[in-house]
Protein backbone atom coordinates (compact mmCIF):
# COMPACT_ATOMS: atom_id res chain seq x y z
CA MET A 1 14.01 18.90 -21.41
CA GLY A 2 16.31 21.16 -19.42
CA GLU A 3 16.61 21.48 -15.67
CA GLN A 4 14.48 24.60 -15.64
CA ASN A 5 11.42 22.38 -16.15
CA ILE A 6 11.90 20.56 -12.87
CA ILE A 7 13.57 23.02 -10.49
CA PRO A 8 10.79 24.68 -8.49
CA ASN A 9 10.74 28.43 -8.03
CA VAL A 10 10.42 27.98 -4.27
CA CYS A 11 12.66 26.55 -1.58
CA ILE A 12 13.62 23.05 -2.64
CA ARG A 13 12.18 20.52 -0.22
CA LYS A 14 14.11 17.57 1.16
CA ILE A 15 11.92 14.48 1.10
CA ILE A 16 12.97 11.01 2.23
CA HIS A 17 10.97 7.88 1.49
CA ILE A 18 11.85 4.90 3.69
CA ASP A 19 10.66 1.47 2.57
CA MET A 20 11.39 -1.63 4.62
CA ASP A 21 12.81 -4.58 2.67
CA ALA A 22 10.37 -7.53 2.54
CA PHE A 23 9.12 -6.32 5.92
CA TYR A 24 6.88 -9.13 7.19
CA ALA A 25 9.15 -11.88 5.86
CA SER A 26 12.23 -10.15 7.30
CA VAL A 27 10.59 -9.98 10.73
CA GLU A 28 9.86 -13.71 10.52
CA GLN A 29 13.47 -14.46 9.54
CA ARG A 30 14.75 -12.25 12.35
CA ASP A 31 12.58 -13.98 14.95
CA ASN A 32 13.29 -17.45 13.58
CA PRO A 33 16.91 -17.59 12.35
CA SER A 34 16.31 -21.03 10.80
CA LEU A 35 14.35 -19.18 8.08
CA ILE A 36 17.28 -16.98 7.06
CA GLY A 37 18.26 -17.54 3.44
CA LYS A 38 15.13 -19.56 2.71
CA PRO A 39 12.08 -18.72 0.56
CA VAL A 40 9.64 -17.43 3.19
CA ILE A 41 6.07 -16.72 2.10
CA VAL A 42 3.91 -14.80 4.57
CA GLY A 43 0.23 -15.48 3.98
CA GLY A 44 -2.36 -18.21 3.94
CA PRO A 45 -1.30 -21.86 3.62
CA PRO A 46 -0.98 -23.25 0.08
CA ASN A 47 -4.10 -25.41 0.38
CA SER A 48 -6.24 -22.40 1.34
CA ARG A 49 -7.79 -19.52 -0.53
CA GLY A 50 -5.41 -17.13 1.15
CA VAL A 51 -3.12 -14.68 -0.53
CA VAL A 52 0.53 -13.74 -0.14
CA SER A 53 1.05 -10.70 2.11
CA THR A 54 4.74 -10.54 1.26
CA CYS A 55 7.66 -12.88 0.72
CA SER A 56 11.40 -12.97 1.16
CA TYR A 57 13.74 -12.11 -1.69
CA GLU A 58 14.63 -15.78 -1.91
CA ALA A 59 10.98 -16.53 -2.79
CA ARG A 60 10.77 -13.62 -5.21
CA LYS A 61 13.38 -15.30 -7.39
CA PHE A 62 10.72 -17.90 -8.21
CA GLY A 63 8.22 -15.23 -9.29
CA VAL A 64 6.26 -15.08 -6.04
CA HIS A 65 4.91 -11.65 -5.13
CA SER A 66 2.41 -10.01 -2.79
CA ALA A 67 -1.33 -10.30 -3.57
CA MET A 68 -0.70 -13.58 -5.43
CA SER A 69 -2.86 -16.50 -4.35
CA SER A 70 -1.12 -18.87 -1.94
CA SER A 71 -1.91 -21.78 -4.24
CA GLN A 72 -0.15 -20.11 -7.16
CA ALA A 73 2.81 -19.22 -4.92
CA TYR A 74 3.11 -22.88 -3.99
CA ARG A 75 3.08 -23.94 -7.63
CA LEU A 76 5.87 -21.48 -8.41
CA CYS A 77 7.85 -22.27 -5.26
CA PRO A 78 6.92 -25.69 -3.83
CA GLU A 79 9.84 -25.49 -1.39
CA GLY A 80 8.57 -22.19 0.00
CA ILE A 81 7.98 -21.98 3.73
CA PHE A 82 4.49 -20.59 4.36
CA VAL A 83 4.18 -18.54 7.56
CA LYS A 84 0.96 -17.19 9.04
CA PRO A 85 1.06 -13.37 9.38
CA ARG A 86 1.59 -11.92 12.87
CA PHE A 87 0.22 -8.43 12.38
CA GLU A 88 0.45 -7.43 16.03
CA VAL A 89 4.22 -8.07 15.90
CA TYR A 90 4.57 -6.15 12.64
CA LYS A 91 2.65 -3.20 14.10
CA LYS A 92 4.92 -3.15 17.16
CA VAL A 93 8.06 -3.13 15.00
CA SER A 94 6.52 -0.46 12.77
CA LEU A 95 5.99 1.81 15.78
CA GLU A 96 9.62 1.31 16.81
CA ILE A 97 10.72 2.39 13.36
CA ARG A 98 8.35 5.35 13.36
CA SER A 99 9.81 6.56 16.65
CA ILE A 100 13.17 6.81 14.89
CA PHE A 101 11.62 8.98 12.18
CA HIS A 102 10.25 11.37 14.80
CA GLU A 103 13.74 11.93 16.19
CA TYR A 104 14.35 13.96 13.04
CA THR A 105 10.99 15.43 12.03
CA ASP A 106 7.32 15.48 12.95
CA LEU A 107 6.43 15.65 9.25
CA VAL A 108 6.10 11.88 8.90
CA GLU A 109 3.42 10.44 6.59
CA PRO A 110 3.08 6.66 6.97
CA LEU A 111 1.73 4.92 3.87
CA SER A 112 1.55 1.51 5.54
CA LEU A 113 3.33 -0.41 8.30
CA ASP A 114 6.49 -0.64 6.22
CA GLU A 115 6.90 2.68 4.45
CA ALA A 116 6.67 6.41 5.08
CA TYR A 117 7.54 9.83 3.73
CA LEU A 118 9.60 12.26 5.82
CA ASP A 119 10.02 15.97 5.12
CA VAL A 120 13.40 16.91 6.60
CA THR A 121 13.74 20.35 5.01
CA ASP A 122 13.70 21.78 8.52
CA ASN A 123 14.69 18.92 10.82
CA LYS A 124 15.01 18.69 14.59
CA LYS A 125 18.76 18.05 14.54
CA GLY A 126 19.64 20.81 12.12
CA ILE A 127 21.41 18.41 9.74
CA PRO A 128 21.83 20.21 6.40
CA LEU A 129 22.00 17.14 4.16
CA ALA A 130 19.00 14.82 3.74
CA THR A 131 21.40 12.07 2.67
CA GLU A 132 23.08 12.15 6.07
CA ILE A 133 19.71 11.93 7.81
CA ALA A 134 18.68 8.97 5.65
CA LYS A 135 21.95 7.15 6.39
CA GLU A 136 21.50 7.70 10.13
CA ILE A 137 17.91 6.45 9.98
CA LEU A 138 18.82 3.26 8.11
CA LYS A 139 21.63 2.61 10.57
CA LYS A 140 19.33 3.12 13.58
CA ILE A 141 16.63 0.88 12.10
CA LYS A 142 19.20 -1.88 11.69
CA GLU A 143 20.54 -1.42 15.22
CA LYS A 144 17.12 -1.22 16.89
CA THR A 145 15.18 -3.84 14.92
CA GLY A 146 17.77 -5.91 13.09
CA LEU A 147 15.98 -5.16 9.82
CA ASN A 148 17.08 -3.61 6.54
CA ALA A 149 15.39 -0.76 4.73
CA SER A 150 15.84 1.20 1.52
CA ALA A 151 15.81 4.98 1.20
CA GLY A 152 14.98 7.38 -1.60
CA ILE A 153 15.90 11.04 -1.28
CA SER A 154 14.62 13.79 -3.55
CA PHE A 155 12.84 17.14 -3.73
CA ASN A 156 9.32 15.72 -4.09
CA LYS A 157 7.31 12.70 -3.02
CA PHE A 158 7.06 11.02 -6.41
CA LEU A 159 10.80 10.96 -7.02
CA ALA A 160 11.59 9.95 -3.42
CA LYS A 161 9.16 7.01 -3.70
CA VAL A 162 10.62 5.84 -7.01
CA ALA A 163 14.16 6.26 -5.68
CA SER A 164 13.59 4.05 -2.63
CA GLY A 165 12.61 1.13 -4.83
CA TYR A 166 15.31 1.69 -7.42
CA ARG A 167 18.04 -0.45 -5.87
CA LYS A 168 16.20 -2.67 -3.39
CA PRO A 169 17.07 -4.35 -1.09
CA LYS A 170 19.25 -2.10 1.09
CA GLY A 171 18.96 0.54 -1.61
CA PHE A 172 20.03 4.16 -1.30
CA THR A 173 19.25 6.49 -4.19
CA VAL A 174 19.42 10.28 -4.37
CA ILE A 175 17.68 12.26 -7.12
CA THR A 176 18.58 15.95 -7.19
CA PRO A 177 17.07 18.69 -9.39
CA ARG A 178 20.15 18.37 -11.61
CA THR A 179 19.86 14.61 -12.08
CA ALA A 180 16.05 14.27 -12.16
CA ASP A 181 15.63 14.78 -15.91
CA ALA A 182 18.07 12.03 -16.86
CA PHE A 183 16.67 9.69 -14.19
CA ILE A 184 13.10 10.14 -15.40
CA ASP A 185 14.09 9.78 -19.07
CA ASN A 186 15.70 6.39 -18.47
CA LEU A 187 13.10 5.03 -16.04
CA PRO A 188 11.03 2.16 -17.54
CA ILE A 189 7.38 3.12 -17.59
CA GLY A 190 6.46 0.19 -15.35
CA LYS A 191 8.68 1.63 -12.61
CA PHE A 192 6.70 4.88 -12.39
CA TYR A 193 4.79 5.04 -9.12
CA GLY A 194 1.08 5.06 -9.97
CA VAL A 195 1.48 3.08 -13.20
CA GLY A 196 0.00 -0.36 -12.64
CA LYS A 197 0.26 -3.38 -14.91
CA VAL A 198 -2.86 -2.54 -16.94
CA THR A 199 -1.75 1.06 -17.49
CA GLU A 200 1.78 -0.09 -18.28
CA ASN A 201 0.50 -2.39 -21.02
CA LYS A 202 -1.67 0.37 -22.44
CA MET A 203 1.27 2.79 -22.45
CA LEU A 204 3.51 0.24 -24.13
CA SER A 205 0.84 -0.31 -26.79
CA ILE A 206 1.00 3.38 -27.76
CA GLY A 207 4.78 3.50 -27.73
CA ILE A 208 5.50 4.82 -24.23
CA LYS A 209 8.38 2.70 -22.96
CA ASN A 210 10.11 5.08 -20.55
CA GLY A 211 10.06 8.59 -19.12
CA ALA A 212 11.54 10.11 -22.23
CA ASP A 213 8.66 8.71 -24.30
CA LEU A 214 6.11 9.91 -21.74
CA LYS A 215 7.48 13.48 -21.93
CA LYS A 216 6.77 13.60 -25.64
CA ILE A 217 3.03 13.17 -25.09
CA SER A 218 0.96 16.30 -24.50
CA ARG A 219 -1.23 16.72 -21.45
CA ASP A 220 -4.39 16.69 -23.60
CA GLU A 221 -3.37 13.47 -25.32
CA LEU A 222 -2.63 11.77 -22.00
CA ILE A 223 -6.02 12.85 -20.68
CA HIS A 224 -7.59 11.45 -23.85
CA HIS A 225 -5.98 8.06 -23.26
CA PHE A 226 -6.07 7.86 -19.44
CA GLY A 227 -8.76 10.25 -18.25
CA LYS A 228 -8.01 12.46 -15.25
CA ALA A 229 -4.95 10.34 -14.45
CA GLY A 230 -3.40 11.86 -17.58
CA ASN A 231 -2.74 15.03 -15.60
CA TYR A 232 -0.74 13.05 -13.06
CA TYR A 233 1.28 11.21 -15.71
CA PHE A 234 2.11 14.48 -17.46
CA ASP A 235 3.27 16.11 -14.24
CA ILE A 236 5.46 13.27 -13.03
CA ALA A 237 7.04 12.91 -16.47
CA HIS A 238 8.30 16.45 -15.95
CA GLY A 239 9.28 15.88 -12.33
CA ASN A 240 6.45 17.99 -10.93
CA ASP A 241 4.81 16.89 -7.69
CA ASN A 242 3.69 19.56 -5.23
CA ARG A 243 2.06 17.25 -2.70
CA GLU A 244 3.12 17.96 0.86
CA VAL A 245 4.10 15.39 3.45
CA THR A 246 0.98 15.26 5.62
CA PRO A 247 1.44 13.57 9.01
CA ASN A 248 -2.25 13.12 9.77
CA ARG A 249 -3.69 11.16 6.88
CA ILE A 250 -7.46 10.96 7.24
CA ARG A 251 -8.78 7.42 7.08
CA LYS A 252 -11.71 7.24 4.66
CA SER A 253 -13.17 3.88 5.63
CA ILE A 254 -12.93 1.07 8.16
CA GLY A 255 -13.79 -2.45 7.20
CA LYS A 256 -13.11 -6.14 7.29
CA GLU A 257 -13.59 -8.96 4.83
CA ILE A 258 -13.28 -12.73 5.02
CA THR A 259 -12.34 -15.15 2.23
CA LEU A 260 -14.26 -18.34 2.90
CA SER A 261 -12.61 -21.75 3.03
CA LYS A 262 -15.27 -23.01 0.60
CA ASP A 263 -17.99 -21.42 -1.53
CA ILE A 264 -21.35 -21.18 0.22
CA ASP A 265 -24.91 -20.60 -1.01
CA ASP A 266 -26.71 -20.62 2.36
CA ARG A 267 -27.98 -17.08 3.02
CA GLU A 268 -28.33 -17.74 6.77
CA GLU A 269 -24.71 -18.89 6.98
CA MET A 270 -23.65 -15.73 5.15
CA LEU A 271 -25.52 -13.54 7.61
CA ASN A 272 -23.89 -15.32 10.56
CA ILE A 273 -20.45 -14.59 9.08
CA LEU A 274 -21.41 -10.98 8.40
CA LYS A 275 -22.63 -10.69 12.00
CA GLU A 276 -19.18 -11.74 13.24
CA ILE A 277 -17.60 -9.10 11.01
CA ALA A 278 -20.02 -6.45 12.29
CA ASN A 279 -19.21 -7.38 15.89
CA ASP A 280 -15.49 -6.99 15.21
CA LEU A 281 -16.13 -3.62 13.57
CA GLU A 282 -18.14 -2.42 16.57
CA ILE A 283 -15.27 -3.30 18.93
CA TYR A 284 -12.78 -1.39 16.76
CA LEU A 285 -15.08 1.61 16.25
CA LYS A 286 -15.81 2.01 19.96
CA LYS A 287 -12.16 1.56 20.89
CA HIS A 288 -11.15 4.37 18.52
CA ASN A 289 -14.23 6.56 19.07
CA VAL A 290 -15.26 6.44 15.42
CA LYS A 291 -18.71 6.37 13.84
CA GLY A 292 -19.80 6.26 10.20
CA LYS A 293 -22.83 7.01 8.09
CA THR A 294 -22.29 4.77 5.05
CA VAL A 295 -22.44 0.98 5.33
CA THR A 296 -21.11 -1.03 2.40
CA LEU A 297 -21.57 -4.75 1.81
CA LYS A 298 -18.96 -6.43 -0.39
CA ILE A 299 -19.50 -9.82 -1.98
CA LYS A 300 -17.24 -11.84 -4.24
CA PHE A 301 -18.91 -14.76 -5.99
CA PHE A 302 -17.38 -18.14 -6.84
CA ASN A 303 -16.50 -16.84 -10.32
CA PHE A 304 -14.51 -13.94 -8.76
CA LYS A 305 -17.08 -11.35 -9.81
CA SER A 306 -17.28 -8.69 -7.07
CA ILE A 307 -20.20 -6.44 -6.22
CA SER A 308 -20.90 -3.90 -3.49
CA ARG A 309 -24.08 -2.38 -2.14
CA SER A 310 -24.16 0.71 0.09
CA LEU A 311 -26.59 2.66 2.21
CA THR A 312 -26.00 6.02 3.87
CA VAL A 313 -27.97 6.93 7.01
CA ASP A 314 -28.60 10.34 8.53
CA GLU A 315 -27.01 9.72 11.92
CA PRO A 316 -23.51 8.18 12.36
CA ILE A 317 -23.51 4.64 13.76
CA GLN A 318 -21.10 2.12 15.27
CA GLU A 319 -23.34 -0.58 16.80
CA SER A 320 -23.26 -4.01 15.16
CA LYS A 321 -27.03 -4.47 15.52
CA ILE A 322 -27.73 -1.37 13.45
CA ILE A 323 -25.06 -2.30 10.93
CA MET A 324 -26.63 -5.74 10.53
CA LYS A 325 -30.10 -4.30 9.94
CA ILE A 326 -28.64 -2.41 7.01
CA ILE A 327 -26.66 -5.42 5.82
CA PHE A 328 -29.82 -7.54 5.86
CA ASP A 329 -31.50 -5.05 3.52
CA LEU A 330 -28.43 -4.78 1.29
CA ILE A 331 -27.94 -8.53 0.84
CA GLU A 332 -31.56 -8.82 -0.28
CA LYS A 333 -30.56 -6.69 -3.29
CA THR A 334 -27.96 -9.25 -4.42
CA ASP A 335 -27.87 -12.75 -5.86
CA ALA A 336 -26.09 -14.10 -2.80
CA GLY A 337 -27.67 -17.47 -2.11
CA LYS A 338 -28.70 -17.96 -5.70
CA ILE A 339 -25.03 -17.81 -6.63
CA ARG A 340 -22.26 -19.29 -4.49
CA VAL A 341 -20.13 -16.81 -2.53
CA ARG A 342 -16.40 -16.95 -1.73
CA LEU A 343 -15.85 -13.62 0.09
CA LEU A 344 -17.90 -11.39 2.38
CA GLY A 345 -17.03 -7.99 3.77
CA ILE A 346 -18.43 -4.92 5.50
CA SER A 347 -17.00 -1.41 5.57
CA LEU A 348 -18.09 1.83 7.18
CA SER A 349 -17.30 5.18 5.57
CA THR A 350 -18.29 8.86 5.83
CA LEU A 351 -16.48 8.63 9.15
CA GLN A 352 -16.74 10.94 12.13
CA PHE A 353 -13.97 10.95 14.71
CA ASN A 354 -15.02 11.96 18.22
């Protein structure tokens, strides 16, 4: 494919994706220097049913990764130092980092506490090169927080996201319209943003090993194999991504779930736990002036099978008592109690912001 397939016919945007390096673990190492250079695992203790939120690069060498169970992480890295997450601290540091972004542009789209897109096509400081802005931002993050980050710079969000993870940690990768084709061609299919492990295995099974292989597949054939996602895979294979950086991402749901320390089959005990969750949700909803119309109950059984039951009401709600009335009806439609439960959760969607 030639460059004409990826150079847009409009003004080329300048997108930066900043991704903090092992964010939670790095904050813990910064605040406790005795942890520097050691395999730090942020998450539940190894004898719990917790999961790994993130881990230091020292722990990753043993195969530990986020979303892994803490028990498995311990088996892989028995010398790992397990640290309980301090989300309030991480949020505070995240806001400090975000304030740096806003020195350059108001087009900042946070994806999570540790990563964000920035559109610096027209930036506050009038700096012509996005690479210079990215270098300044990384330098300021280091000076202000003591933490390292990686940056990806390109003309669309997909390529900027892939670029930031290309040379982690402390990575800095630029993908221009002239270099995009070659970069995509050589990129292993598992490195494509939006291609998870299951999809990667399916692509490998039909001979798609990298971007060059993906480009050879027609849009219709990709849709045949992957449904609507086939459209996305076709577009990114050709470097096409017209999504804008949107600073005000609309939250679709608010919820909380609890993984139990042991499986339970007592329905009354389950309802007491759900009541605590509903009370916490009410506090959050009232604090942020949010109401919702759809209540969803999530249950994970001892065998890891998950189910959800939902009910949508006419008028938006936020009170725990009303939420629990709905939850009581929803749990009656499940086998909770007949089958042991390991996780309970409640979420509220169809949100209305006052």
